[in-house]
């Protein structure tokens, strides 16, 4: 979706409206490691949508950035750490092998098994 300022055009990869949450959900797909510019861009998109598109009975817009990798330290000191509206998540550009999937499932089972014991 294209959104414009007085002098520039910007393109949001995916825009949805969630009827249950009553809010817009903006998704930005990045084919590289997350940068502070990506976070700032999404922050601007959210502010523009909240100002220009959001109705009085809508909840605040949510922004999701999918990226190939992210630096946890950079995320810690960015607006992502303080915002309840912007999220970043890694995705894979290639499918994992069967062995990698098995290892991931085993890791999750161990992790959730420990949490269940603690509760």
C-alpha atoms as a PDB file:
ATOM      1  CA  UNK A   1       0.000   0.000   0.000  1.00  0.00           C
ATOM      2  CA  UNK A   2       1.298   3.441  -0.858  1.00  0.00           C
ATOM      3  CA  UNK A   3       1.256   6.243   1.686  1.00  0.00           C
ATOM      4  CA  UNK A   4       2.488   9.725   0.892  1.00  0.00           C
ATOM      5  CA  UNK A   5       3.959  12.779   2.522  1.00  0.00           C
ATOM      6  CA  UNK A   6       4.217  16.154   0.792  1.00  0.00           C
ATOM      7  CA  UNK A   7       7.399  15.116  -1.035  1.00  0.00           C
ATOM      8  CA  UNK A   8       7.777  11.334  -0.750  1.00  0.00           C
ATOM      9  CA  UNK A   9       5.958   8.071  -1.410  1.00  0.00           C
ATOM     10  CA  UNK A  10       6.333   5.059   0.866  1.00  0.00           C
ATOM     11  CA  UNK A  11       5.171   1.501   0.286  1.00  0.00           C
ATOM     12  CA  UNK A  12       4.044  -0.830   3.058  1.00  0.00           C
ATOM     13  CA  UNK A  13       4.380  -4.473   2.038  1.00  0.00           C
ATOM     14  CA  UNK A  14       1.150  -5.755   3.611  1.00  0.00           C
ATOM     15  CA  UNK A  15      -1.744  -3.969   5.301  1.00  0.00           C
ATOM     16  CA  UNK A  16      -4.556  -5.794   7.078  1.00  0.00           C
ATOM     17  CA  UNK A  17      -7.407  -4.808   9.315  1.00  0.00           C
ATOM     18  CA  UNK A  18      -8.030  -7.235  12.182  1.00  0.00           C
ATOM     19  CA  UNK A  19     -11.741  -7.129  13.011  1.00  0.00           C
ATOM     20  CA  UNK A  20     -11.288  -8.962  16.306  1.00  0.00           C
ATOM     21  CA  UNK A  21      -8.530  -6.645  17.593  1.00  0.00           C
ATOM     22  CA  UNK A  22     -10.143  -3.672  15.817  1.00  0.00           C
ATOM     23  CA  UNK A  23      -6.853  -2.366  14.485  1.00  0.00           C
ATOM     24  CA  UNK A  24      -4.700  -2.111  11.403  1.00  0.00           C
ATOM     25  CA  UNK A  25      -1.786  -4.540  11.154  1.00  0.00           C
ATOM     26  CA  UNK A  26       1.154  -3.391   9.013  1.00  0.00           C
ATOM     27  CA  UNK A  27       3.716  -5.946   7.854  1.00  0.00           C
ATOM     28  CA  UNK A  28       7.106  -5.090   6.407  1.00  0.00           C
ATOM     29  CA  UNK A  29       9.140  -7.886   4.808  1.00  0.00           C
ATOM     30  CA  UNK A  30      12.921  -7.431   4.897  1.00  0.00           C
ATOM     31  CA  UNK A  31      15.367  -9.646   3.013  1.00  0.00           C
ATOM     32  CA  UNK A  32      18.240  -8.526   5.227  1.00  0.00           C
ATOM     33  CA  UNK A  33      19.214  -8.185   8.873  1.00  0.00           C
ATOM     34  CA  UNK A  34      17.037  -5.768  10.835  1.00  0.00           C
ATOM     35  CA  UNK A  35      18.425  -2.222  10.957  1.00  0.00           C
ATOM     36  CA  UNK A  36      17.496   0.800  13.049  1.00  0.00           C
ATOM     37  CA  UNK A  37      16.295   2.414   9.809  1.00  0.00           C
ATOM     38  CA  UNK A  38      13.768  -0.430   9.379  1.00  0.00           C
ATOM     39  CA  UNK A  39      12.457   0.165  12.893  1.00  0.00           C
ATOM     40  CA  UNK A  40      12.218   3.913  12.344  1.00  0.00           C
ATOM     41  CA  UNK A  41      10.412   3.342   9.063  1.00  0.00           C
ATOM     42  CA  UNK A  42       7.817   1.094  10.712  1.00  0.00           C
ATOM     43  CA  UNK A  43       7.408   3.582  13.555  1.00  0.00           C
ATOM     44  CA  UNK A  44       6.659   6.283  10.965  1.00  0.00           C
ATOM     45  CA  UNK A  45       4.163   4.007   9.161  1.00  0.00           C
ATOM     46  CA  UNK A  46       2.327   3.312  12.432  1.00  0.00           C
ATOM     47  CA  UNK A  47       2.175   6.998  13.347  1.00  0.00           C
ATOM     48  CA  UNK A  48       0.907   7.910   9.862  1.00  0.00           C
ATOM     49  CA  UNK A  49      -1.760   5.179   9.919  1.00  0.00           C
ATOM     50  CA  UNK A  50      -2.885   6.161  13.405  1.00  0.00           C
ATOM     51  CA  UNK A  51      -3.158   9.788  12.303  1.00  0.00           C
ATOM     52  CA  UNK A  52      -4.625   9.330   8.813  1.00  0.00           C
ATOM     53  CA  UNK A  53      -6.548   6.025   8.746  1.00  0.00           C
ATOM     54  CA  UNK A  54      -7.465   5.013  12.275  1.00  0.00           C
ATOM     55  CA  UNK A  55     -11.026   5.764  13.375  1.00  0.00           C
ATOM     56  CA  UNK A  56     -11.942   6.870  16.899  1.00  0.00           C
ATOM     57  CA  UNK A  57     -13.211   3.388  17.859  1.00  0.00           C
ATOM     58  CA  UNK A  58     -10.125   1.572  16.460  1.00  0.00           C
ATOM     59  CA  UNK A  59      -7.253   0.380  18.631  1.00  0.00           C
ATOM     60  CA  UNK A  60      -3.692   1.547  17.887  1.00  0.00           C
ATOM     61  CA  UNK A  61      -2.047   0.202  14.733  1.00  0.00           C
ATOM     62  CA  UNK A  62       0.323  -2.763  15.083  1.00  0.00           C
ATOM     63  CA  UNK A  63       3.515  -3.073  13.029  1.00  0.00           C
ATOM     64  CA  UNK A  64       5.346  -6.344  12.352  1.00  0.00           C
ATOM     65  CA  UNK A  65       8.768  -6.512  10.694  1.00  0.00           C
ATOM     66  CA  UNK A  66       9.862  -9.881   9.335  1.00  0.00           C
ATOM     67  CA  UNK A  67      13.626 -10.004   8.752  1.00  0.00           C
ATOM     68  CA  UNK A  68      16.296 -12.612   8.073  1.00  0.00           C
ATOM     69  CA  UNK A  69      18.201 -11.759  11.261  1.00  0.00           C
ATOM     70  CA  UNK A  70      18.191  -9.271  14.127  1.00  0.00           C
ATOM     71  CA  UNK A  71      20.744  -7.940  16.582  1.00  0.00           C
ATOM     72  CA  UNK A  72      19.289  -8.300  20.083  1.00  0.00           C
ATOM     73  CA  UNK A  73      21.415  -5.431  21.435  1.00  0.00           C
ATOM     74  CA  UNK A  74      20.140  -3.088  18.722  1.00  0.00           C
ATOM     75  CA  UNK A  75      16.575  -4.179  19.476  1.00  0.00           C
ATOM     76  CA  UNK A  76      17.141  -3.612  23.219  1.00  0.00           C
ATOM     77  CA  UNK A  77      18.105   0.031  22.679  1.00  0.00           C
ATOM     78  CA  UNK A  78      15.563   0.831  19.989  1.00  0.00           C
ATOM     79  CA  UNK A  79      11.915   1.792  20.054  1.00  0.00           C
ATOM     80  CA  UNK A  80      11.124  -1.936  19.712  1.00  0.00           C
ATOM     81  CA  UNK A  81      12.063  -2.427  23.348  1.00  0.00           C
ATOM     82  CA  UNK A  82       9.639   0.245  24.550  1.00  0.00           C
ATOM     83  CA  UNK A  83       6.808  -0.095  22.034  1.00  0.00           C
ATOM     84  CA  UNK A  84       3.839  -2.389  22.445  1.00  0.00           C
ATOM     85  CA  UNK A  85       2.937  -1.786  18.807  1.00  0.00           C
ATOM     86  CA  UNK A  86       6.079  -2.824  16.865  1.00  0.00           C
ATOM     87  CA  UNK A  87       7.414  -6.345  16.684  1.00  0.00           C
ATOM     88  CA  UNK A  88      10.350  -7.890  14.817  1.00  0.00           C
ATOM     89  CA  UNK A  89      10.672 -11.541  14.030  1.00  0.00           C
ATOM     90  CA  UNK A  90      13.201 -13.594  12.116  1.00  0.00           C
ATOM     91  CA  UNK A  91      12.210 -15.780   9.212  1.00  0.00           C
ATOM     92  CA  UNK A  92      14.081 -18.322   7.141  1.00  0.00           C
ATOM     93  CA  UNK A  93      14.816 -17.763   3.469  1.00  0.00           C
ATOM     94  CA  UNK A  94      15.248 -21.509   2.902  1.00  0.00           C
ATOM     95  CA  UNK A  95      13.370 -24.454   4.325  1.00  0.00           C
ATOM     96  CA  UNK A  96      15.063 -26.276   7.206  1.00  0.00           C
ATOM     97  CA  UNK A  97      16.205 -29.859   6.813  1.00  0.00           C
ATOM     98  CA  UNK A  98      14.262 -32.688   8.443  1.00  0.00           C
ATOM     99  CA  UNK A  99      17.052 -32.983  11.025  1.00  0.00           C
ATOM    100  CA  UNK A 100      16.826 -29.264  11.880  1.00  0.00           C
ATOM    101  CA  UNK A 101      13.053 -29.554  12.316  1.00  0.00           C
ATOM    102  CA  UNK A 102      13.444 -32.574  14.600  1.00  0.00           C
ATOM    103  CA  UNK A 103      16.051 -30.749  16.715  1.00  0.00           C
ATOM    104  CA  UNK A 104      13.808 -27.693  16.996  1.00  0.00           C
ATOM    105  CA  UNK A 105      10.843 -29.794  18.091  1.00  0.00           C
ATOM    106  CA  UNK A 106      12.957 -31.594  20.687  1.00  0.00           C
ATOM    107  CA  UNK A 107      14.264 -28.259  22.020  1.00  0.00           C
ATOM    108  CA  UNK A 108      10.701 -26.924  22.333  1.00  0.00           C
ATOM    109  CA  UNK A 109       9.510 -30.064  24.083  1.00  0.00           C
ATOM    110  CA  UNK A 110      12.350 -29.793  26.593  1.00  0.00           C
ATOM    111  CA  UNK A 111      11.690 -26.100  27.157  1.00  0.00           C
ATOM    112  CA  UNK A 112       7.932 -26.477  27.620  1.00  0.00           C
ATOM    113  CA  UNK A 113       8.400 -29.627  29.687  1.00  0.00           C
ATOM    114  CA  UNK A 114      10.530 -27.638  32.162  1.00  0.00           C
ATOM    115  CA  UNK A 115       7.947 -24.842  32.321  1.00  0.00           C
ATOM    116  CA  UNK A 116       5.161 -27.327  33.077  1.00  0.00           C
ATOM    117  CA  UNK A 117       7.191 -28.852  35.916  1.00  0.00           C
ATOM    118  CA  UNK A 118       7.766 -25.389  37.451  1.00  0.00           C
ATOM    119  CA  UNK A 119       4.026 -24.603  37.466  1.00  0.00           C
END
